[in-house]
Amino acid sequence: MGKAPPRLTSLAHGGGCGCKLAPSVLQQLLAEETEPSLFRQLLVGTETGDDAAVWQIDDATCVIATTD
């Protein structure tokens, strides 16, 4: 048998909030992404530096997605 693959937890230097990217690093990574204003339904996106997004489904419904 071959060598067992490493556990994913062995590849992380920490856990939870300690492994988040700094806002400045995230901003650099996303700097060349598609302009958020192209998506009218995206009410909160990467421009706020937040770790969540708000997508409008209709006049009364939104979806909130967070990376936490």
PDB file of N, CA and C in Angstrom:
ATOM      1  N   MET A   1       0.826  -1.192   0.000  1.00  0.00           N
ATOM      2  CA  MET A   1       0.000   0.000   0.000  1.00  0.00           C
ATOM      3  C   MET A   1       0.864   1.247   0.000  1.00  0.00           C
ATOM      4  N   GLY A   2       0.350   2.297  -0.587  1.00  0.00           N
ATOM      5  CA  GLY A   2       1.069   3.566  -0.627  1.00  0.00           C
ATOM      6  C   GLY A   2       0.973   4.307   0.695  1.00  0.00           C
ATOM      7  N   LYS A   3       1.697   5.360   0.754  1.00  0.00           N
ATOM      8  CA  LYS A   3       1.698   6.205   1.952  1.00  0.00           C
ATOM      9  C   LYS A   3       0.339   6.890   2.093  1.00  0.00           C
ATOM     10  N   ALA A   4      -0.166   6.933   3.321  1.00  0.00           N
ATOM     11  CA  ALA A   4      -1.459   7.579   3.575  1.00  0.00           C
ATOM     12  C   ALA A   4      -1.338   9.082   3.335  1.00  0.00           C
ATOM     13  N   PRO A   5      -2.366   9.701   2.751  1.00  0.00           N
ATOM     14  CA  PRO A   5      -2.314  11.155   2.543  1.00  0.00           C
ATOM     15  C   PRO A   5      -2.292  11.873   3.892  1.00  0.00           C
ATOM     16  N   PRO A   6      -1.678  13.046   3.946  1.00  0.00           N
ATOM     17  CA  PRO A   6      -1.621  13.771   5.220  1.00  0.00           C
ATOM     18  C   PRO A   6      -3.008  14.275   5.617  1.00  0.00           C
ATOM     19  N   ARG A   7      -3.236  14.362   6.905  1.00  0.00           N
ATOM     20  CA  ARG A   7      -4.485  14.959   7.388  1.00  0.00           C
ATOM     21  C   ARG A   7      -4.430  16.449   7.077  1.00  0.00           C
ATOM     22  N   LEU A   8      -5.545  17.014   6.627  1.00  0.00           N
ATOM     23  CA  LEU A   8      -5.576  18.436   6.278  1.00  0.00           C
ATOM     24  C   LEU A   8      -5.201  19.316   7.458  1.00  0.00           C
ATOM     25  N   THR A   9      -5.578  18.899   8.661  1.00  0.00           N
ATOM     26  CA  THR A   9      -5.244  19.700   9.840  1.00  0.00           C
ATOM     27  C   THR A   9      -3.741  19.783  10.068  1.00  0.00           C
ATOM     28  N   SER A  10      -2.984  18.838   9.549  1.00  0.00           N
ATOM     29  CA  SER A  10      -1.525  18.890   9.711  1.00  0.00           C
ATOM     30  C   SER A  10      -0.895  19.937   8.795  1.00  0.00           C
ATOM     31  N   LEU A  11      -1.638  20.434   7.821  1.00  0.00           N
ATOM     32  CA  LEU A  11      -1.113  21.414   6.872  1.00  0.00           C
ATOM     33  C   LEU A  11      -1.430  22.853   7.265  1.00  0.00           C
ATOM     34  N   ALA A  12      -2.241  23.034   8.311  1.00  0.00           N
ATOM     35  CA  ALA A  12      -2.632  24.375   8.753  1.00  0.00           C
ATOM     36  C   ALA A  12      -1.744  24.810   9.913  1.00  0.00           C
ATOM     37  N   HIS A  13      -1.377  26.073   9.922  1.00  0.00           N
ATOM     38  CA  HIS A  13      -0.531  26.582  11.003  1.00  0.00           C
ATOM     39  C   HIS A  13      -1.332  26.966  12.236  1.00  0.00           C
ATOM     40  N   GLY A  14      -2.635  26.971  12.134  1.00  0.00           N
ATOM     41  CA  GLY A  14      -3.494  27.333  13.263  1.00  0.00           C
ATOM     42  C   GLY A  14      -4.911  26.908  12.958  1.00  0.00           C
ATOM     43  N   GLY A  15      -5.829  27.422  13.735  1.00  0.00           N
ATOM     44  CA  GLY A  15      -7.223  27.074  13.508  1.00  0.00           C
ATOM     45  C   GLY A  15      -8.132  28.257  13.750  1.00  0.00           C
ATOM     46  N   GLY A  16      -9.310  28.210  13.183  1.00  0.00           N
ATOM     47  CA  GLY A  16     -10.307  29.251  13.405  1.00  0.00           C
ATOM     48  C   GLY A  16      -9.843  30.618  12.953  1.00  0.00           C
ATOM     49  N   CYS A  17     -10.156  31.619  13.765  1.00  0.00           N
ATOM     50  CA  CYS A  17      -9.845  33.010  13.418  1.00  0.00           C
ATOM     51  C   CYS A  17      -8.348  33.252  13.252  1.00  0.00           C
ATOM     52  N   GLY A  18      -7.521  32.436  13.878  1.00  0.00           N
ATOM     53  CA  GLY A  18      -6.074  32.597  13.761  1.00  0.00           C
ATOM     54  C   GLY A  18      -5.548  32.335  12.365  1.00  0.00           C
ATOM     55  N   CYS A  19      -6.353  31.726  11.522  1.00  0.00           N
ATOM     56  CA  CYS A  19      -5.917  31.403  10.158  1.00  0.00           C
ATOM     57  C   CYS A  19      -6.477  32.348   9.106  1.00  0.00           C
ATOM     58  N   LYS A  20      -7.177  33.379   9.527  1.00  0.00           N
ATOM     59  CA  LYS A  20      -7.734  34.325   8.557  1.00  0.00           C
ATOM     60  C   LYS A  20      -6.625  35.135   7.898  1.00  0.00           C
ATOM     61  N   LEU A  21      -6.887  35.540   6.668  1.00  0.00           N
ATOM     62  CA  LEU A  21      -5.985  36.451   5.972  1.00  0.00           C
ATOM     63  C   LEU A  21      -6.176  37.857   6.516  1.00  0.00           C
ATOM     64  N   ALA A  22      -5.105  38.595   6.554  1.00  0.00           N
ATOM     65  CA  ALA A  22      -5.210  40.001   6.940  1.00  0.00           C
ATOM     66  C   ALA A  22      -6.019  40.735   5.869  1.00  0.00           C
ATOM     67  N   PRO A  23      -6.815  41.739   6.244  1.00  0.00           N
ATOM     68  CA  PRO A  23      -7.607  42.475   5.255  1.00  0.00           C
ATOM     69  C   PRO A  23      -6.771  43.018   4.096  1.00  0.00           C
ATOM     70  N   SER A  24      -5.558  43.465   4.369  1.00  0.00           N
ATOM     71  CA  SER A  24      -4.709  44.007   3.292  1.00  0.00           C
ATOM     72  C   SER A  24      -4.295  42.916   2.310  1.00  0.00           C
ATOM     73  N   VAL A  25      -4.050  41.706   2.805  1.00  0.00           N
ATOM     74  CA  VAL A  25      -3.693  40.585   1.931  1.00  0.00           C
ATOM     75  C   VAL A  25      -4.890  40.204   1.073  1.00  0.00           C
ATOM     76  N   LEU A  26      -6.064  40.133   1.685  1.00  0.00           N
ATOM     77  CA  LEU A  26      -7.277  39.808   0.935  1.00  0.00           C
ATOM     78  C   LEU A  26      -7.552  40.856  -0.139  1.00  0.00           C
ATOM     79  N   GLN A  27      -7.353  42.116   0.198  1.00  0.00           N
ATOM     80  CA  GLN A  27      -7.566  43.194  -0.771  1.00  0.00           C
ATOM     81  C   GLN A  27      -6.631  43.035  -1.970  1.00  0.00           C
ATOM     82  N   GLN A  28      -5.380  42.676  -1.729  1.00  0.00           N
ATOM     83  CA  GLN A  28      -4.429  42.461  -2.827  1.00  0.00           C
ATOM     84  C   GLN A  28      -4.857  41.288  -3.699  1.00  0.00           C
ATOM     85  N   LEU A  29      -5.304  40.205  -3.069  1.00  0.00           N
ATOM     86  CA  LEU A  29      -5.719  39.025  -3.821  1.00  0.00           C
ATOM     87  C   LEU A  29      -6.927  39.300  -4.708  1.00  0.00           C
ATOM     88  N   LEU A  30      -7.826  40.153  -4.228  1.00  0.00           N
ATOM     89  CA  LEU A  30      -9.063  40.426  -4.958  1.00  0.00           C
ATOM     90  C   LEU A  30      -8.979  41.642  -5.873  1.00  0.00           C
ATOM     91  N   ALA A  31      -7.841  42.317  -5.886  1.00  0.00           N
ATOM     92  CA  ALA A  31      -7.697  43.572  -6.631  1.00  0.00           C
ATOM     93  C   ALA A  31      -7.986  43.422  -8.124  1.00  0.00           C
ATOM     94  N   GLU A  32      -7.696  42.277  -8.692  1.00  0.00           N
ATOM     95  CA  GLU A  32      -7.878  42.104 -10.134  1.00  0.00           C
ATOM     96  C   GLU A  32      -9.125  41.307 -10.486  1.00  0.00           C
ATOM     97  N   GLU A  33     -10.007  41.107  -9.519  1.00  0.00           N
ATOM     98  CA  GLU A  33     -11.246  40.379  -9.774  1.00  0.00           C
ATOM     99  C   GLU A  33     -12.237  41.269 -10.528  1.00  0.00           C
ATOM    100  N   THR A  34     -13.332  40.671 -10.971  1.00  0.00           N
ATOM    101  CA  THR A  34     -14.387  41.391 -11.682  1.00  0.00           C
ATOM    102  C   THR A  34     -14.937  42.522 -10.819  1.00  0.00           C
ATOM    103  N   GLU A  35     -15.217  43.631 -11.436  1.00  0.00           N
ATOM    104  CA  GLU A  35     -15.778  44.791 -10.739  1.00  0.00           C
ATOM    105  C   GLU A  35     -17.127  44.423 -10.117  1.00  0.00           C
ATOM    106  N   PRO A  36     -17.276  44.562  -8.775  1.00  0.00           N
ATOM    107  CA  PRO A  36     -18.530  44.177  -8.118  1.00  0.00           C
ATOM    108  C   PRO A  36     -19.755  44.927  -8.630  1.00  0.00           C
ATOM    109  N   SER A  37     -19.589  46.143  -9.132  1.00  0.00           N
ATOM    110  CA  SER A  37     -20.741  46.922  -9.598  1.00  0.00           C
ATOM    111  C   SER A  37     -21.414  46.288 -10.820  1.00  0.00           C
ATOM    112  N   LEU A  38     -20.778  45.305 -11.429  1.00  0.00           N
ATOM    113  CA  LEU A  38     -21.395  44.616 -12.562  1.00  0.00           C
ATOM    114  C   LEU A  38     -22.564  43.736 -12.123  1.00  0.00           C
ATOM    115  N   PHE A  39     -22.629  43.437 -10.833  1.00  0.00           N
ATOM    116  CA  PHE A  39     -23.671  42.570 -10.307  1.00  0.00           C
ATOM    117  C   PHE A  39     -24.616  43.391  -9.441  1.00  0.00           C
ATOM    118  N   ARG A  40     -25.722  43.822 -10.007  1.00  0.00           N
ATOM    119  CA  ARG A  40     -26.665  44.680  -9.279  1.00  0.00           C
ATOM    120  C   ARG A  40     -27.212  44.010  -8.033  1.00  0.00           C
ATOM    121  N   GLN A  41     -27.319  42.687  -8.043  1.00  0.00           N
ATOM    122  CA  GLN A  41     -27.879  41.970  -6.900  1.00  0.00           C
ATOM    123  C   GLN A  41     -26.885  41.845  -5.738  1.00  0.00           C
ATOM    124  N   LEU A  42     -25.617  42.107  -5.968  1.00  0.00           N
ATOM    125  CA  LEU A  42     -24.607  42.002  -4.911  1.00  0.00           C
ATOM    126  C   LEU A  42     -24.625  43.287  -4.092  1.00  0.00           C
ATOM    127  N   LEU A  43     -25.247  43.220  -2.913  1.00  0.00           N
ATOM    128  CA  LEU A  43     -25.398  44.408  -2.072  1.00  0.00           C
ATOM    129  C   LEU A  43     -24.164  44.656  -1.215  1.00  0.00           C
ATOM    130  N   VAL A  44     -23.525  43.609  -0.743  1.00  0.00           N
ATOM    131  CA  VAL A  44     -22.278  43.706   0.017  1.00  0.00           C
ATOM    132  C   VAL A  44     -21.327  42.683  -0.571  1.00  0.00           C
ATOM    133  N   GLY A  45     -20.185  43.150  -1.022  1.00  0.00           N
ATOM    134  CA  GLY A  45     -19.196  42.256  -1.610  1.00  0.00           C
ATOM    135  C   GLY A  45     -17.824  42.520  -1.023  1.00  0.00           C
ATOM    136  N   THR A  46     -16.805  42.347  -1.821  1.00  0.00           N
ATOM    137  CA  THR A  46     -15.430  42.475  -1.338  1.00  0.00           C
ATOM    138  C   THR A  46     -15.006  43.908  -1.073  1.00  0.00           C
ATOM    139  N   GLU A  47     -15.762  44.877  -1.578  1.00  0.00           N
ATOM    140  CA  GLU A  47     -15.353  46.278  -1.431  1.00  0.00           C
ATOM    141  C   GLU A  47     -15.369  46.752   0.019  1.00  0.00           C
ATOM    142  N   THR A  48     -16.081  46.056   0.888  1.00  0.00           N
ATOM    143  CA  THR A  48     -16.156  46.464   2.293  1.00  0.00           C
ATOM    144  C   THR A  48     -15.053  45.849   3.146  1.00  0.00           C
ATOM    145  N   GLY A  49     -14.326  44.890   2.611  1.00  0.00           N
ATOM    146  CA  GLY A  49     -13.306  44.202   3.392  1.00  0.00           C
ATOM    147  C   GLY A  49     -13.904  43.240   4.405  1.00  0.00           C
ATOM    148  N   ASP A  50     -15.202  43.029   4.323  1.00  0.00           N
ATOM    149  CA  ASP A  50     -15.880  42.120   5.240  1.00  0.00           C
ATOM    150  C   ASP A  50     -15.691  40.686   4.760  1.00  0.00           C
ATOM    151  N   ASP A  51     -15.985  39.732   5.628  1.00  0.00           N
ATOM    152  CA  ASP A  51     -15.886  38.329   5.231  1.00  0.00           C
ATOM    153  C   ASP A  51     -17.263  37.746   4.918  1.00  0.00           C
ATOM    154  N   ALA A  52     -18.182  38.618   4.533  1.00  0.00           N
ATOM    155  CA  ALA A  52     -19.531  38.173   4.187  1.00  0.00           C
ATOM    156  C   ALA A  52     -19.984  38.873   2.912  1.00  0.00           C
ATOM    157  N   ALA A  53     -20.994  38.298   2.292  1.00  0.00           N
ATOM    158  CA  ALA A  53     -21.590  38.900   1.103  1.00  0.00           C
ATOM    159  C   ALA A  53     -23.107  38.862   1.260  1.00  0.00           C
ATOM    160  N   VAL A  54     -23.772  39.824   0.647  1.00  0.00           N
ATOM    161  CA  VAL A  54     -25.238  39.853   0.646  1.00  0.00           C
ATOM    162  C   VAL A  54     -25.692  39.911  -0.809  1.00  0.00           C
ATOM    163  N   TRP A  55     -26.482  38.928  -1.205  1.00  0.00           N
ATOM    164  CA  TRP A  55     -26.996  38.821  -2.571  1.00  0.00           C
ATOM    165  C   TRP A  55     -28.509  38.955  -2.523  1.00  0.00           C
ATOM    166  N   GLN A  56     -29.052  39.929  -3.264  1.00  0.00           N
ATOM    167  CA  GLN A  56     -30.496  40.165  -3.282  1.00  0.00           C
ATOM    168  C   GLN A  56     -31.175  39.205  -4.244  1.00  0.00           C
ATOM    169  N   ILE A  57     -32.118  38.445  -3.711  1.00  0.00           N
ATOM    170  CA  ILE A  57     -32.888  37.498  -4.518  1.00  0.00           C
ATOM    171  C   ILE A  57     -34.078  38.204  -5.166  1.00  0.00           C
ATOM    172  N   ASP A  58     -34.821  38.957  -4.353  1.00  0.00           N
ATOM    173  CA  ASP A  58     -35.944  39.760  -4.840  1.00  0.00           C
ATOM    174  C   ASP A  58     -36.116  40.934  -3.880  1.00  0.00           C
ATOM    175  N   ASP A  59     -37.200  41.689  -4.014  1.00  0.00           N
ATOM    176  CA  ASP A  59     -37.389  42.885  -3.186  1.00  0.00           C
ATOM    177  C   ASP A  59     -37.470  42.593  -1.691  1.00  0.00           C
ATOM    178  N   ALA A  60     -37.837  41.384  -1.326  1.00  0.00           N
ATOM    179  CA  ALA A  60     -38.024  41.052   0.092  1.00  0.00           C
ATOM    180  C   ALA A  60     -37.048  40.008   0.626  1.00  0.00           C
ATOM    181  N   THR A  61     -36.167  39.484  -0.242  1.00  0.00           N
ATOM    182  CA  THR A  61     -35.315  38.370   0.172  1.00  0.00           C
ATOM    183  C   THR A  61     -33.866  38.589  -0.235  1.00  0.00           C
ATOM    184  N   CYS A  62     -32.971  38.352   0.714  1.00  0.00           N
ATOM    185  CA  CYS A  62     -31.533  38.389   0.450  1.00  0.00           C
ATOM    186  C   CYS A  62     -30.894  37.139   1.041  1.00  0.00           C
ATOM    187  N   VAL A  63     -29.778  36.745   0.472  1.00  0.00           N
ATOM    188  CA  VAL A  63     -28.980  35.653   1.018  1.00  0.00           C
ATOM    189  C   VAL A  63     -27.710  36.268   1.578  1.00  0.00           C
ATOM    190  N   ILE A  64     -27.386  35.908   2.810  1.00  0.00           N
ATOM    191  CA  ILE A  64     -26.152  36.364   3.436  1.00  0.00           C
ATOM    192  C   ILE A  64     -25.226  35.165   3.532  1.00  0.00           C
ATOM    193  N   ALA A  65     -24.044  35.288   2.969  1.00  0.00           N
ATOM    194  CA  ALA A  65     -23.055  34.214   3.021  1.00  0.00           C
ATOM    195  C   ALA A  65     -21.809  34.735   3.716  1.00  0.00           C
ATOM    196  N   THR A  66     -21.297  33.960   4.642  1.00  0.00           N
ATOM    197  CA  THR A  66     -20.093  34.346   5.355  1.00  0.00           C
ATOM    198  C   THR A  66     -19.065  33.233   5.273  1.00  0.00           C
ATOM    199  N   THR A  67     -17.815  33.598   5.350  1.00  0.00           N
ATOM    200  CA  THR A  67     -16.752  32.604   5.308  1.00  0.00           C
ATOM    201  C   THR A  67     -16.448  32.050   6.684  1.00  0.00           C
ATOM    202  N   ASP A  68     -17.063  32.595   7.712  1.00  0.00           N
ATOM    203  CA  ASP A  68     -16.843  32.074   9.075  1.00  0.00           C
ATOM    204  C   ASP A  68     -17.666  30.838   9.322  1.00  0.00           C
TER     205      ASP A  68
END
